[in-house]
Amino acid sequence: MGKEGWIMDFPKIKLKAARVNAGLTQIEAARAVHRNKQTIINWETGTTEIRFSDLCALSELYGIPVEYLEVPPRRTNK
């Protein structure tokens, strides 16, 4: 069977789990990517959308390829 039409489903890890697995607190992660703790909280909970450049920075910091990181859907207040 050829690879045409074959889609690779990567197992995903939530941002918070990736941070915890890397042994980092929210404050440590925030300092490493030059953001504040509230920004990390907002990204992990889907309160604010994360920019791709920030996602790449977290990917490098956590030692996990970006395609394995699960970004929560943006929450909206209705």
PDB file of N, CA and C in Angstrom:
ATOM      1  N   MET A   1       0.843  -1.185   0.000  1.00  0.00           N
ATOM      2  CA  MET A   1       0.000   0.000   0.000  1.00  0.00           C
ATOM      3  C   MET A   1       0.881   1.238   0.000  1.00  0.00           C
ATOM      4  N   GLY A   2       0.559   2.195  -0.868  1.00  0.00           N
ATOM      5  CA  GLY A   2       1.327   3.437  -0.962  1.00  0.00           C
ATOM      6  C   GLY A   2       0.967   4.411   0.137  1.00  0.00           C
ATOM      7  N   LYS A   3       1.713   5.489   0.211  1.00  0.00           N
ATOM      8  CA  LYS A   3       1.478   6.488   1.249  1.00  0.00           C
ATOM      9  C   LYS A   3       0.412   7.506   0.844  1.00  0.00           C
ATOM     10  N   GLU A   4      -0.051   7.451  -0.409  1.00  0.00           N
ATOM     11  CA  GLU A   4      -1.074   8.383  -0.860  1.00  0.00           C
ATOM     12  C   GLU A   4      -2.338   8.201  -0.029  1.00  0.00           C
ATOM     13  N   GLY A   5      -2.906   9.291   0.427  1.00  0.00           N
ATOM     14  CA  GLY A   5      -4.129   9.230   1.190  1.00  0.00           C
ATOM     15  C   GLY A   5      -3.932   8.817   2.637  1.00  0.00           C
ATOM     16  N   TRP A   6      -2.709   8.528   3.006  1.00  0.00           N
ATOM     17  CA  TRP A   6      -2.404   8.098   4.374  1.00  0.00           C
ATOM     18  C   TRP A   6      -2.076   9.322   5.202  1.00  0.00           C
ATOM     19  N   ILE A   7      -2.800   9.513   6.278  1.00  0.00           N
ATOM     20  CA  ILE A   7      -2.590  10.665   7.142  1.00  0.00           C
ATOM     21  C   ILE A   7      -2.024  10.182   8.468  1.00  0.00           C
ATOM     22  N   MET A   8      -0.931  10.797   8.865  1.00  0.00           N
ATOM     23  CA  MET A   8      -0.309  10.423  10.135  1.00  0.00           C
ATOM     24  C   MET A   8      -1.006  11.164  11.261  1.00  0.00           C
ATOM     25  N   ASP A   9      -1.561  10.436  12.187  1.00  0.00           N
ATOM     26  CA  ASP A   9      -2.162  11.019  13.375  1.00  0.00           C
ATOM     27  C   ASP A   9      -1.131  10.982  14.487  1.00  0.00           C
ATOM     28  N   PHE A  10      -0.642  12.145  14.861  1.00  0.00           N
ATOM     29  CA  PHE A  10       0.328  12.218  15.941  1.00  0.00           C
ATOM     30  C   PHE A  10      -0.405  12.221  17.275  1.00  0.00           C
ATOM     31  N   PRO A  11       0.111  11.506  18.247  1.00  0.00           N
ATOM     32  CA  PRO A  11      -0.469  11.637  19.585  1.00  0.00           C
ATOM     33  C   PRO A  11      -0.164  13.053  20.084  1.00  0.00           C
ATOM     34  N   LYS A  12      -1.127  13.674  20.697  1.00  0.00           N
ATOM     35  CA  LYS A  12      -0.964  15.062  21.148  1.00  0.00           C
ATOM     36  C   LYS A  12      -0.806  15.111  22.658  1.00  0.00           C
ATOM     37  N   ILE A  13      -0.057  16.116  23.114  1.00  0.00           N
ATOM     38  CA  ILE A  13       0.090  16.355  24.539  1.00  0.00           C
ATOM     39  C   ILE A  13      -0.336  17.790  24.820  1.00  0.00           C
ATOM     40  N   LYS A  14      -1.168  17.970  25.810  1.00  0.00           N
ATOM     41  CA  LYS A  14      -1.664  19.309  26.154  1.00  0.00           C
ATOM     42  C   LYS A  14      -0.505  20.179  26.617  1.00  0.00           C
ATOM     43  N   LEU A  15      -0.649  21.488  26.400  1.00  0.00           N
ATOM     44  CA  LEU A  15       0.416  22.422  26.768  1.00  0.00           C
ATOM     45  C   LEU A  15       0.808  22.289  28.242  1.00  0.00           C
ATOM     46  N   LYS A  16      -0.179  22.210  29.114  1.00  0.00           N
ATOM     47  CA  LYS A  16       0.115  22.101  30.543  1.00  0.00           C
ATOM     48  C   LYS A  16       0.883  20.820  30.841  1.00  0.00           C
ATOM     49  N   ALA A  17       0.440  19.699  30.274  1.00  0.00           N
ATOM     50  CA  ALA A  17       1.110  18.420  30.506  1.00  0.00           C
ATOM     51  C   ALA A  17       2.547  18.458  29.983  1.00  0.00           C
ATOM     52  N   ALA A  18       2.750  19.087  28.840  1.00  0.00           N
ATOM     53  CA  ALA A  18       4.100  19.197  28.277  1.00  0.00           C
ATOM     54  C   ALA A  18       5.003  19.997  29.215  1.00  0.00           C
ATOM     55  N   ARG A  19       4.458  21.078  29.764  1.00  0.00           N
ATOM     56  CA  ARG A  19       5.231  21.910  30.694  1.00  0.00           C
ATOM     57  C   ARG A  19       5.583  21.125  31.950  1.00  0.00           C
ATOM     58  N   VAL A  20       4.582  20.450  32.524  1.00  0.00           N
ATOM     59  CA  VAL A  20       4.800  19.667  33.747  1.00  0.00           C
ATOM     60  C   VAL A  20       5.814  18.549  33.476  1.00  0.00           C
ATOM     61  N   ASN A  21       5.681  17.871  32.339  1.00  0.00           N
ATOM     62  CA  ASN A  21       6.626  16.800  31.986  1.00  0.00           C
ATOM     63  C   ASN A  21       8.046  17.328  31.831  1.00  0.00           C
ATOM     64  N   ALA A  22       8.171  18.590  31.431  1.00  0.00           N
ATOM     65  CA  ALA A  22       9.490  19.215  31.297  1.00  0.00           C
ATOM     66  C   ALA A  22      10.032  19.668  32.652  1.00  0.00           C
ATOM     67  N   GLY A  23       9.214  19.524  33.703  1.00  0.00           N
ATOM     68  CA  GLY A  23       9.646  19.889  35.042  1.00  0.00           C
ATOM     69  C   GLY A  23       9.654  21.384  35.304  1.00  0.00           C
ATOM     70  N   LEU A  24       8.779  22.114  34.609  1.00  0.00           N
ATOM     71  CA  LEU A  24       8.753  23.571  34.728  1.00  0.00           C
ATOM     72  C   LEU A  24       7.463  24.057  35.378  1.00  0.00           C
ATOM     73  N   THR A  25       7.585  25.124  36.138  1.00  0.00           N
ATOM     74  CA  THR A  25       6.403  25.808  36.656  1.00  0.00           C
ATOM     75  C   THR A  25       5.948  26.803  35.591  1.00  0.00           C
ATOM     76  N   GLN A  26       4.772  27.364  35.792  1.00  0.00           N
ATOM     77  CA  GLN A  26       4.286  28.389  34.862  1.00  0.00           C
ATOM     78  C   GLN A  26       5.217  29.591  34.856  1.00  0.00           C
ATOM     79  N   ILE A  27       5.728  29.957  36.010  1.00  0.00           N
ATOM     80  CA  ILE A  27       6.641  31.099  36.096  1.00  0.00           C
ATOM     81  C   ILE A  27       7.940  30.813  35.346  1.00  0.00           C
ATOM     82  N   GLU A  28       8.499  29.621  35.523  1.00  0.00           N
ATOM     83  CA  GLU A  28       9.743  29.267  34.830  1.00  0.00           C
ATOM     84  C   GLU A  28       9.557  29.252  33.320  1.00  0.00           C
ATOM     85  N   ALA A  29       8.442  28.676  32.867  1.00  0.00           N
ATOM     86  CA  ALA A  29       8.168  28.646  31.429  1.00  0.00           C
ATOM     87  C   ALA A  29       7.988  30.057  30.891  1.00  0.00           C
ATOM     88  N   ALA A  30       7.269  30.885  31.627  1.00  0.00           N
ATOM     89  CA  ALA A  30       7.030  32.268  31.204  1.00  0.00           C
ATOM     90  C   ALA A  30       8.342  33.030  31.062  1.00  0.00           C
ATOM     91  N   ARG A  31       9.210  32.900  32.036  1.00  0.00           N
ATOM     92  CA  ARG A  31      10.503  33.599  31.984  1.00  0.00           C
ATOM     93  C   ARG A  31      11.330  33.131  30.790  1.00  0.00           C
ATOM     94  N   ALA A  32      11.299  31.830  30.525  1.00  0.00           N
ATOM     95  CA  ALA A  32      12.102  31.260  29.441  1.00  0.00           C
ATOM     96  C   ALA A  32      11.667  31.754  28.065  1.00  0.00           C
ATOM     97  N   VAL A  33      10.366  32.051  27.915  1.00  0.00           N
ATOM     98  CA  VAL A  33       9.870  32.521  26.610  1.00  0.00           C
ATOM     99  C   VAL A  33       9.531  34.015  26.638  1.00  0.00           C
ATOM    100  N   HIS A  34       9.993  34.694  27.679  1.00  0.00           N
ATOM    101  CA  HIS A  34       9.837  36.149  27.805  1.00  0.00           C
ATOM    102  C   HIS A  34       8.377  36.601  27.788  1.00  0.00           C
ATOM    103  N   ARG A  35       7.576  35.885  28.566  1.00  0.00           N
ATOM    104  CA  ARG A  35       6.168  36.223  28.758  1.00  0.00           C
ATOM    105  C   ARG A  35       5.905  36.228  30.261  1.00  0.00           C
ATOM    106  N   ASN A  36       4.686  36.533  30.662  1.00  0.00           N
ATOM    107  CA  ASN A  36       4.375  36.474  32.091  1.00  0.00           C
ATOM    108  C   ASN A  36       3.552  35.222  32.393  1.00  0.00           C
ATOM    109  N   LYS A  37       3.435  34.929  33.699  1.00  0.00           N
ATOM    110  CA  LYS A  37       2.738  33.718  34.131  1.00  0.00           C
ATOM    111  C   LYS A  37       1.305  33.687  33.621  1.00  0.00           C
ATOM    112  N   GLN A  38       0.615  34.810  33.643  1.00  0.00           N
ATOM    113  CA  GLN A  38      -0.783  34.851  33.204  1.00  0.00           C
ATOM    114  C   GLN A  38      -0.915  34.469  31.733  1.00  0.00           C
ATOM    115  N   THR A  39       0.063  34.839  30.930  1.00  0.00           N
ATOM    116  CA  THR A  39       0.039  34.468  29.509  1.00  0.00           C
ATOM    117  C   THR A  39       0.111  32.955  29.356  1.00  0.00           C
ATOM    118  N   ILE A  40       0.987  32.320  30.115  1.00  0.00           N
ATOM    119  CA  ILE A  40       1.092  30.851  30.074  1.00  0.00           C
ATOM    120  C   ILE A  40      -0.238  30.226  30.492  1.00  0.00           C
ATOM    121  N   ILE A  41      -0.823  30.737  31.563  1.00  0.00           N
ATOM    122  CA  ILE A  41      -2.131  30.239  32.023  1.00  0.00           C
ATOM    123  C   ILE A  41      -3.170  30.398  30.918  1.00  0.00           C
ATOM    124  N   ASN A  42      -3.198  31.553  30.298  1.00  0.00           N
ATOM    125  CA  ASN A  42      -4.181  31.820  29.237  1.00  0.00           C
ATOM    126  C   ASN A  42      -3.999  30.880  28.052  1.00  0.00           C
ATOM    127  N   TRP A  43      -2.765  30.598  27.673  1.00  0.00           N
ATOM    128  CA  TRP A  43      -2.516  29.660  26.575  1.00  0.00           C
ATOM    129  C   TRP A  43      -2.964  28.254  26.956  1.00  0.00           C
ATOM    130  N   GLU A  44      -2.647  27.840  28.183  1.00  0.00           N
ATOM    131  CA  GLU A  44      -2.978  26.480  28.611  1.00  0.00           C
ATOM    132  C   GLU A  44      -4.477  26.251  28.749  1.00  0.00           C
ATOM    133  N   THR A  45      -5.218  27.302  29.038  1.00  0.00           N
ATOM    134  CA  THR A  45      -6.669  27.164  29.229  1.00  0.00           C
ATOM    135  C   THR A  45      -7.473  27.560  27.997  1.00  0.00           C
ATOM    136  N   GLY A  46      -6.813  28.091  26.977  1.00  0.00           N
ATOM    137  CA  GLY A  46      -7.523  28.511  25.777  1.00  0.00           C
ATOM    138  C   GLY A  46      -8.177  29.869  25.903  1.00  0.00           C
ATOM    139  N   THR A  47      -7.804  30.627  26.939  1.00  0.00           N
ATOM    140  CA  THR A  47      -8.375  31.963  27.117  1.00  0.00           C
ATOM    141  C   THR A  47      -7.895  32.909  26.027  1.00  0.00           C
ATOM    142  N   THR A  48      -6.623  32.782  25.667  1.00  0.00           N
ATOM    143  CA  THR A  48      -6.078  33.562  24.547  1.00  0.00           C
ATOM    144  C   THR A  48      -5.403  32.616  23.574  1.00  0.00           C
ATOM    145  N   GLU A  49      -5.383  33.030  22.335  1.00  0.00           N
ATOM    146  CA  GLU A  49      -4.787  32.221  21.282  1.00  0.00           C
ATOM    147  C   GLU A  49      -3.270  32.401  21.294  1.00  0.00           C
ATOM    148  N   ILE A  50      -2.557  31.315  21.105  1.00  0.00           N
ATOM    149  CA  ILE A  50      -1.099  31.369  21.082  1.00  0.00           C
ATOM    150  C   ILE A  50      -0.605  31.580  19.654  1.00  0.00           C
ATOM    151  N   ARG A  51       0.358  32.478  19.500  1.00  0.00           N
ATOM    152  CA  ARG A  51       0.969  32.693  18.184  1.00  0.00           C
ATOM    153  C   ARG A  51       1.884  31.513  17.869  1.00  0.00           C
ATOM    154  N   PHE A  52       2.046  31.245  16.581  1.00  0.00           N
ATOM    155  CA  PHE A  52       2.874  30.111  16.166  1.00  0.00           C
ATOM    156  C   PHE A  52       4.309  30.279  16.659  1.00  0.00           C
ATOM    157  N   SER A  53       4.833  31.495  16.645  1.00  0.00           N
ATOM    158  CA  SER A  53       6.209  31.712  17.111  1.00  0.00           C
ATOM    159  C   SER A  53       6.344  31.359  18.597  1.00  0.00           C
ATOM    160  N   ASP A  54       5.319  31.672  19.391  1.00  0.00           N
ATOM    161  CA  ASP A  54       5.345  31.308  20.805  1.00  0.00           C
ATOM    162  C   ASP A  54       5.198  29.802  20.995  1.00  0.00           C
ATOM    163  N   LEU A  55       4.373  29.180  20.168  1.00  0.00           N
ATOM    164  CA  LEU A  55       4.214  27.727  20.225  1.00  0.00           C
ATOM    165  C   LEU A  55       5.542  27.046  19.902  1.00  0.00           C
ATOM    166  N   CYS A  56       6.262  27.574  18.930  1.00  0.00           N
ATOM    167  CA  CYS A  56       7.575  27.020  18.582  1.00  0.00           C
ATOM    168  C   CYS A  56       8.558  27.186  19.736  1.00  0.00           C
ATOM    169  N   ALA A  57       8.496  28.316  20.423  1.00  0.00           N
ATOM    170  CA  ALA A  57       9.374  28.546  21.573  1.00  0.00           C
ATOM    171  C   ALA A  57       9.068  27.546  22.685  1.00  0.00           C
ATOM    172  N   LEU A  58       7.783  27.295  22.943  1.00  0.00           N
ATOM    173  CA  LEU A  58       7.409  26.307  23.959  1.00  0.00           C
ATOM    174  C   LEU A  58       7.830  24.906  23.535  1.00  0.00           C
ATOM    175  N   SER A  59       7.671  24.609  22.269  1.00  0.00           N
ATOM    176  CA  SER A  59       8.070  23.311  21.740  1.00  0.00           C
ATOM    177  C   SER A  59       9.543  23.050  22.012  1.00  0.00           C
ATOM    178  N   GLU A  60      10.359  24.038  21.737  1.00  0.00           N
ATOM    179  CA  GLU A  60      11.802  23.902  21.979  1.00  0.00           C
ATOM    180  C   GLU A  60      12.086  23.782  23.477  1.00  0.00           C
ATOM    181  N   LEU A  61      11.444  24.620  24.267  1.00  0.00           N
ATOM    182  CA  LEU A  61      11.644  24.612  25.715  1.00  0.00           C
ATOM    183  C   LEU A  61      11.244  23.270  26.328  1.00  0.00           C
ATOM    184  N   TYR A  62      10.114  22.736  25.897  1.00  0.00           N
ATOM    185  CA  TYR A  62       9.598  21.490  26.456  1.00  0.00           C
ATOM    186  C   TYR A  62      10.233  20.249  25.844  1.00  0.00           C
ATOM    187  N   GLY A  63      10.963  20.424  24.743  1.00  0.00           N
ATOM    188  CA  GLY A  63      11.604  19.292  24.089  1.00  0.00           C
ATOM    189  C   GLY A  63      10.629  18.373  23.380  1.00  0.00           C
ATOM    190  N   ILE A  64       9.554  18.975  22.863  1.00  0.00           N
ATOM    191  CA  ILE A  64       8.513  18.209  22.173  1.00  0.00           C
ATOM    192  C   ILE A  64       8.265  18.859  20.812  1.00  0.00           C
ATOM    193  N   PRO A  65       8.279  18.089  19.728  1.00  0.00           N
ATOM    194  CA  PRO A  65       8.007  18.681  18.411  1.00  0.00           C
ATOM    195  C   PRO A  65       6.658  19.408  18.402  1.00  0.00           C
ATOM    196  N   VAL A  66       6.613  20.516  17.703  1.00  0.00           N
ATOM    197  CA  VAL A  66       5.418  21.364  17.703  1.00  0.00           C
ATOM    198  C   VAL A  66       4.171  20.606  17.262  1.00  0.00           C
ATOM    199  N   GLU A  67       4.320  19.668  16.351  1.00  0.00           N
ATOM    200  CA  GLU A  67       3.139  18.936  15.862  1.00  0.00           C
ATOM    201  C   GLU A  67       2.552  18.001  16.920  1.00  0.00           C
ATOM    202  N   TYR A  68       3.273  17.763  17.994  1.00  0.00           N
ATOM    203  CA  TYR A  68       2.775  16.934  19.083  1.00  0.00           C
ATOM    204  C   TYR A  68       2.076  17.739  20.171  1.00  0.00           C
ATOM    205  N   LEU A  69       2.183  19.061  20.134  1.00  0.00           N
ATOM    206  CA  LEU A  69       1.554  19.894  21.158  1.00  0.00           C
ATOM    207  C   LEU A  69       0.096  20.161  20.812  1.00  0.00           C
ATOM    208  N   GLU A  70      -0.764  19.939  21.772  1.00  0.00           N
ATOM    209  CA  GLU A  70      -2.191  20.203  21.582  1.00  0.00           C
ATOM    210  C   GLU A  70      -2.529  21.585  22.132  1.00  0.00           C
ATOM    211  N   VAL A  71      -3.014  22.430  21.242  1.00  0.00           N
ATOM    212  CA  VAL A  71      -3.416  23.780  21.633  1.00  0.00           C
ATOM    213  C   VAL A  71      -4.917  23.754  21.890  1.00  0.00           C
ATOM    214  N   PRO A  72      -5.343  24.192  23.080  1.00  0.00           N
ATOM    215  CA  PRO A  72      -6.788  24.161  23.352  1.00  0.00           C
ATOM    216  C   PRO A  72      -7.530  25.139  22.448  1.00  0.00           C
ATOM    217  N   PRO A  73      -8.765  24.802  22.097  1.00  0.00           N
ATOM    218  CA  PRO A  73      -9.549  25.754  21.294  1.00  0.00           C
ATOM    219  C   PRO A  73      -9.788  27.022  22.104  1.00  0.00           C
ATOM    220  N   ARG A  74      -9.856  28.130  21.407  1.00  0.00           N
ATOM    221  CA  ARG A  74     -10.053  29.410  22.075  1.00  0.00           C
ATOM    222  C   ARG A  74     -11.438  29.430  22.702  1.00  0.00           C
ATOM    223  N   ARG A  75     -11.477  29.748  23.991  1.00  0.00           N
ATOM    224  CA  ARG A  75     -12.762  29.852  24.706  1.00  0.00           C
ATOM    225  C   ARG A  75     -13.378  31.194  24.401  1.00  0.00           C
ATOM    226  N   THR A  76     -14.672  31.188  24.265  1.00  0.00           N
ATOM    227  CA  THR A  76     -15.393  32.451  24.078  1.00  0.00           C
ATOM    228  C   THR A  76     -16.431  32.579  25.165  1.00  0.00           C
ATOM    229  N   ASN A  77     -16.652  33.787  25.610  1.00  0.00           N
ATOM    230  CA  ASN A  77     -17.681  34.050  26.636  1.00  0.00           C
ATOM    231  C   ASN A  77     -18.984  34.338  25.928  1.00  0.00           C
ATOM    232  N   LYS A  78     -19.967  33.499  26.182  1.00  0.00           N
ATOM    233  CA  LYS A  78     -21.272  33.696  25.546  1.00  0.00           C
ATOM    234  C   LYS A  78     -22.308  33.900  26.604  1.00  0.00           C
TER     235      LYS A  78
END
